[in-house]
Amino acid sequence: MNLTLQQANAIYALNPSIVVIRGDVAYDKDGNELAYDKSQAEAKLAEMQETEESAQKAQETAKASALVKLSALGLTQDEINALL
């Protein structure tokens, strides 16, 4: 089974000694096979996805707030669009 990039990133985040993953097998810098906990990797992946979603929502909220403030300053929609 091949892991997705996100799954591999979660495994790397949990296991700094892992330097490469081939298929679903992890290796250290010397080429030794390393075991990892798949359930921990899935939990880490979920955490990373939640963090990314939160960051995206925060960015969307900040953009909406900025648009409201620019409009309140009297900028036209064309002027606001030019700033985006």
N, C-alpha and C. Protein backbone atom coordinates (compact mmCIF):
# COMPACT_ATOMS: atom_id res chain seq x y z
N MET A 1 0.84 -1.18 0.00
CA MET A 1 0.00 0.00 0.00
C MET A 1 0.89 1.25 0.00
N ASN A 2 0.56 2.20 -0.84
CA ASN A 2 1.27 3.46 -0.85
C ASN A 2 0.52 4.47 0.01
N LEU A 3 1.27 5.24 0.76
CA LEU A 3 0.69 6.27 1.61
C LEU A 3 0.50 7.55 0.82
N THR A 4 -0.46 8.34 1.23
CA THR A 4 -0.59 9.66 0.64
C THR A 4 0.51 10.56 1.21
N LEU A 5 0.74 11.67 0.55
CA LEU A 5 1.73 12.62 1.04
C LEU A 5 1.37 13.09 2.45
N GLN A 6 0.09 13.32 2.70
CA GLN A 6 -0.34 13.77 4.03
C GLN A 6 -0.09 12.70 5.08
N GLN A 7 -0.34 11.44 4.75
CA GLN A 7 -0.08 10.36 5.70
C GLN A 7 1.42 10.27 6.00
N ALA A 8 2.24 10.37 4.96
CA ALA A 8 3.68 10.32 5.16
C ALA A 8 4.15 11.48 6.02
N ASN A 9 3.62 12.66 5.79
CA ASN A 9 4.01 13.83 6.59
C ASN A 9 3.65 13.63 8.06
N ALA A 10 2.52 13.00 8.32
CA ALA A 10 2.12 12.72 9.70
C ALA A 10 3.11 11.75 10.35
N ILE A 11 3.54 10.75 9.60
CA ILE A 11 4.50 9.77 10.13
C ILE A 11 5.84 10.46 10.40
N TYR A 12 6.28 11.29 9.46
CA TYR A 12 7.54 12.03 9.67
C TYR A 12 7.45 12.92 10.91
N ALA A 13 6.30 13.56 11.10
CA ALA A 13 6.13 14.45 12.25
C ALA A 13 6.20 13.68 13.57
N LEU A 14 5.72 12.46 13.58
CA LEU A 14 5.73 11.64 14.79
C LEU A 14 7.07 10.95 15.03
N ASN A 15 7.80 10.72 13.97
CA ASN A 15 9.03 9.91 14.05
C ASN A 15 10.18 10.61 13.34
N PRO A 16 10.88 11.50 14.01
CA PRO A 16 11.96 12.25 13.35
C PRO A 16 13.10 11.38 12.82
N SER A 17 13.23 10.16 13.32
CA SER A 17 14.31 9.30 12.84
C SER A 17 13.98 8.67 11.48
N ILE A 18 12.74 8.76 11.05
CA ILE A 18 12.35 8.25 9.74
C ILE A 18 12.74 9.29 8.69
N VAL A 19 13.50 8.85 7.70
CA VAL A 19 13.93 9.78 6.66
C VAL A 19 13.33 9.47 5.29
N VAL A 20 12.83 8.25 5.11
CA VAL A 20 12.20 7.90 3.84
C VAL A 20 11.14 6.84 4.09
N ILE A 21 10.10 6.91 3.27
CA ILE A 21 9.03 5.91 3.33
C ILE A 21 8.84 5.40 1.91
N ARG A 22 8.91 4.09 1.75
CA ARG A 22 8.67 3.45 0.45
C ARG A 22 7.46 2.55 0.62
N GLY A 23 6.42 2.86 -0.14
CA GLY A 23 5.16 2.13 0.05
C GLY A 23 4.60 2.54 1.39
N ASP A 24 4.57 1.62 2.33
CA ASP A 24 4.18 1.96 3.70
C ASP A 24 5.25 1.51 4.70
N VAL A 25 6.48 1.31 4.19
CA VAL A 25 7.60 0.89 5.03
C VAL A 25 8.52 2.09 5.24
N ALA A 26 8.85 2.34 6.51
CA ALA A 26 9.68 3.49 6.88
C ALA A 26 11.12 3.05 7.14
N TYR A 27 12.05 3.94 6.80
CA TYR A 27 13.48 3.65 6.98
C TYR A 27 14.19 4.82 7.64
N ASP A 28 15.25 4.51 8.37
CA ASP A 28 16.08 5.56 8.97
C ASP A 28 17.19 5.92 7.99
N LYS A 29 18.10 6.81 8.42
CA LYS A 29 19.16 7.31 7.54
C LYS A 29 20.12 6.22 7.09
N ASP A 30 20.19 5.13 7.84
CA ASP A 30 21.09 4.02 7.50
C ASP A 30 20.40 2.93 6.68
N GLY A 31 19.14 3.15 6.35
CA GLY A 31 18.40 2.17 5.56
C GLY A 31 17.75 1.08 6.38
N ASN A 32 17.78 1.22 7.70
CA ASN A 32 17.13 0.23 8.57
C ASN A 32 15.63 0.47 8.60
N GLU A 33 14.88 -0.61 8.53
CA GLU A 33 13.43 -0.49 8.59
C GLU A 33 13.00 -0.10 10.00
N LEU A 34 12.08 0.86 10.07
CA LEU A 34 11.57 1.31 11.36
C LEU A 34 10.07 1.08 11.43
N ALA A 35 9.62 0.65 12.58
CA ALA A 35 8.19 0.46 12.80
C ALA A 35 7.57 1.78 13.24
N TYR A 36 6.31 1.96 12.91
CA TYR A 36 5.56 3.13 13.39
C TYR A 36 4.14 2.68 13.67
N ASP A 37 3.49 3.42 14.54
CA ASP A 37 2.13 3.09 14.95
C ASP A 37 1.15 3.74 13.97
N LYS A 38 0.46 2.92 13.19
CA LYS A 38 -0.46 3.44 12.17
C LYS A 38 -1.62 4.21 12.78
N SER A 39 -2.09 3.79 13.94
CA SER A 39 -3.21 4.51 14.57
C SER A 39 -2.76 5.88 15.05
N GLN A 40 -1.52 5.98 15.56
CA GLN A 40 -0.98 7.28 15.95
C GLN A 40 -0.80 8.17 14.73
N ALA A 41 -0.36 7.59 13.64
CA ALA A 41 -0.18 8.35 12.40
C ALA A 41 -1.52 8.88 11.90
N GLU A 42 -2.56 8.07 11.97
CA GLU A 42 -3.89 8.52 11.54
C GLU A 42 -4.40 9.64 12.45
N ALA A 43 -4.16 9.52 13.75
CA ALA A 43 -4.58 10.57 14.69
C ALA A 43 -3.82 11.87 14.41
N LYS A 44 -2.52 11.75 14.13
CA LYS A 44 -1.71 12.93 13.82
C LYS A 44 -2.19 13.56 12.52
N LEU A 45 -2.52 12.75 11.53
CA LEU A 45 -3.03 13.26 10.27
C LEU A 45 -4.33 14.04 10.49
N ALA A 46 -5.22 13.48 11.29
CA ALA A 46 -6.48 14.18 11.59
C ALA A 46 -6.21 15.51 12.28
N GLU A 47 -5.26 15.52 13.21
CA GLU A 47 -4.89 16.75 13.91
C GLU A 47 -4.33 17.78 12.93
N MET A 48 -3.48 17.33 12.02
CA MET A 48 -2.88 18.23 11.05
C MET A 48 -3.94 18.80 10.11
N GLN A 49 -4.91 17.98 9.72
CA GLN A 49 -5.99 18.44 8.85
C GLN A 49 -6.87 19.45 9.56
N GLU A 50 -7.16 19.22 10.83
CA GLU A 50 -7.96 20.17 11.61
C GLU A 50 -7.24 21.50 11.73
N THR A 51 -5.94 21.45 11.95
CA THR A 51 -5.14 22.67 12.06
C THR A 51 -5.17 23.44 10.74
N GLU A 52 -5.05 22.72 9.64
CA GLU A 52 -5.08 23.36 8.32
C GLU A 52 -6.44 23.99 8.06
N GLU A 53 -7.51 23.28 8.40
CA GLU A 53 -8.85 23.82 8.22
C GLU A 53 -9.06 25.06 9.08
N SER A 54 -8.58 25.04 10.30
CA SER A 54 -8.70 26.20 11.19
C SER A 54 -7.94 27.39 10.62
N ALA A 55 -6.76 27.14 10.08
CA ALA A 55 -5.96 28.21 9.50
C ALA A 55 -6.67 28.81 8.29
N GLN A 56 -7.28 27.95 7.47
CA GLN A 56 -8.02 28.44 6.30
C GLN A 56 -9.22 29.28 6.72
N LYS A 57 -9.94 28.82 7.74
CA LYS A 57 -11.09 29.58 8.23
C LYS A 57 -10.66 30.93 8.79
N ALA A 58 -9.55 30.93 9.52
CA ALA A 58 -9.03 32.18 10.08
C ALA A 58 -8.65 33.14 8.97
N GLN A 59 -8.05 32.63 7.91
CA GLN A 59 -7.67 33.47 6.78
C GLN A 59 -8.91 34.04 6.09
N GLU A 60 -9.93 33.21 5.91
CA GLU A 60 -11.17 33.67 5.29
C GLU A 60 -11.84 34.74 6.15
N THR A 61 -11.84 34.54 7.46
CA THR A 61 -12.42 35.51 8.38
C THR A 61 -11.67 36.83 8.33
N ALA A 62 -10.35 36.75 8.31
CA ALA A 62 -9.53 37.97 8.24
C ALA A 62 -9.78 38.72 6.94
N LYS A 63 -9.91 37.99 5.84
CA LYS A 63 -10.16 38.63 4.55
C LYS A 63 -11.53 39.31 4.55
N ALA A 64 -12.53 38.63 5.08
CA ALA A 64 -13.87 39.21 5.15
C ALA A 64 -13.87 40.46 6.01
N SER A 65 -13.15 40.42 7.12
CA SER A 65 -13.05 41.58 7.99
C SER A 65 -12.36 42.74 7.28
N ALA A 66 -11.31 42.43 6.55
CA ALA A 66 -10.59 43.48 5.83
C ALA A 66 -11.48 44.11 4.77
N LEU A 67 -12.28 43.29 4.08
CA LEU A 67 -13.18 43.82 3.06
C LEU A 67 -14.21 44.76 3.66
N VAL A 68 -14.74 44.38 4.81
CA VAL A 68 -15.72 45.24 5.49
C VAL A 68 -15.07 46.56 5.90
N LYS A 69 -13.85 46.50 6.43
CA LYS A 69 -13.16 47.71 6.87
C LYS A 69 -12.82 48.62 5.70
N LEU A 70 -12.39 48.03 4.57
CA LEU A 70 -12.09 48.84 3.39
C LEU A 70 -13.35 49.51 2.86
N SER A 71 -14.42 48.79 2.89
CA SER A 71 -15.70 49.36 2.45
C SER A 71 -16.13 50.49 3.38
N ALA A 72 -15.93 50.29 4.69
CA ALA A 72 -16.30 51.32 5.68
C ALA A 72 -15.45 52.57 5.50
N LEU A 73 -14.25 52.41 4.97
CA LEU A 73 -13.38 53.57 4.72
C LEU A 73 -13.81 54.35 3.48
N GLY A 74 -14.78 53.81 2.75
CA GLY A 74 -15.30 54.51 1.59
C GLY A 74 -14.75 54.04 0.26
N LEU A 75 -13.98 52.97 0.25
CA LEU A 75 -13.46 52.46 -1.01
C LEU A 75 -14.58 51.82 -1.81
N THR A 76 -14.51 51.98 -3.12
CA THR A 76 -15.49 51.34 -3.98
C THR A 76 -15.12 49.87 -4.15
N GLN A 77 -16.06 49.10 -4.66
CA GLN A 77 -15.79 47.67 -4.87
C GLN A 77 -14.63 47.49 -5.85
N ASP A 78 -14.56 48.34 -6.88
CA ASP A 78 -13.45 48.25 -7.84
C ASP A 78 -12.11 48.52 -7.16
N GLU A 79 -12.07 49.49 -6.26
CA GLU A 79 -10.83 49.81 -5.54
C GLU A 79 -10.44 48.65 -4.62
N ILE A 80 -11.44 48.08 -3.97
CA ILE A 80 -11.16 46.94 -3.09
C ILE A 80 -10.64 45.75 -3.90
N ASN A 81 -11.28 45.48 -5.04
CA ASN A 81 -10.84 44.38 -5.90
C ASN A 81 -9.41 44.59 -6.39
N ALA A 82 -9.04 45.84 -6.65
CA ALA A 82 -7.68 46.14 -7.11
C ALA A 82 -6.65 45.81 -6.03
N LEU A 83 -7.05 45.89 -4.77
CA LEU A 83 -6.14 45.58 -3.67
C LEU A 83 -5.97 44.08 -3.44
N LEU A 84 -6.92 43.32 -3.95
CA LEU A 84 -6.85 41.86 -3.77
C LEU A 84 -5.90 41.32 -4.76
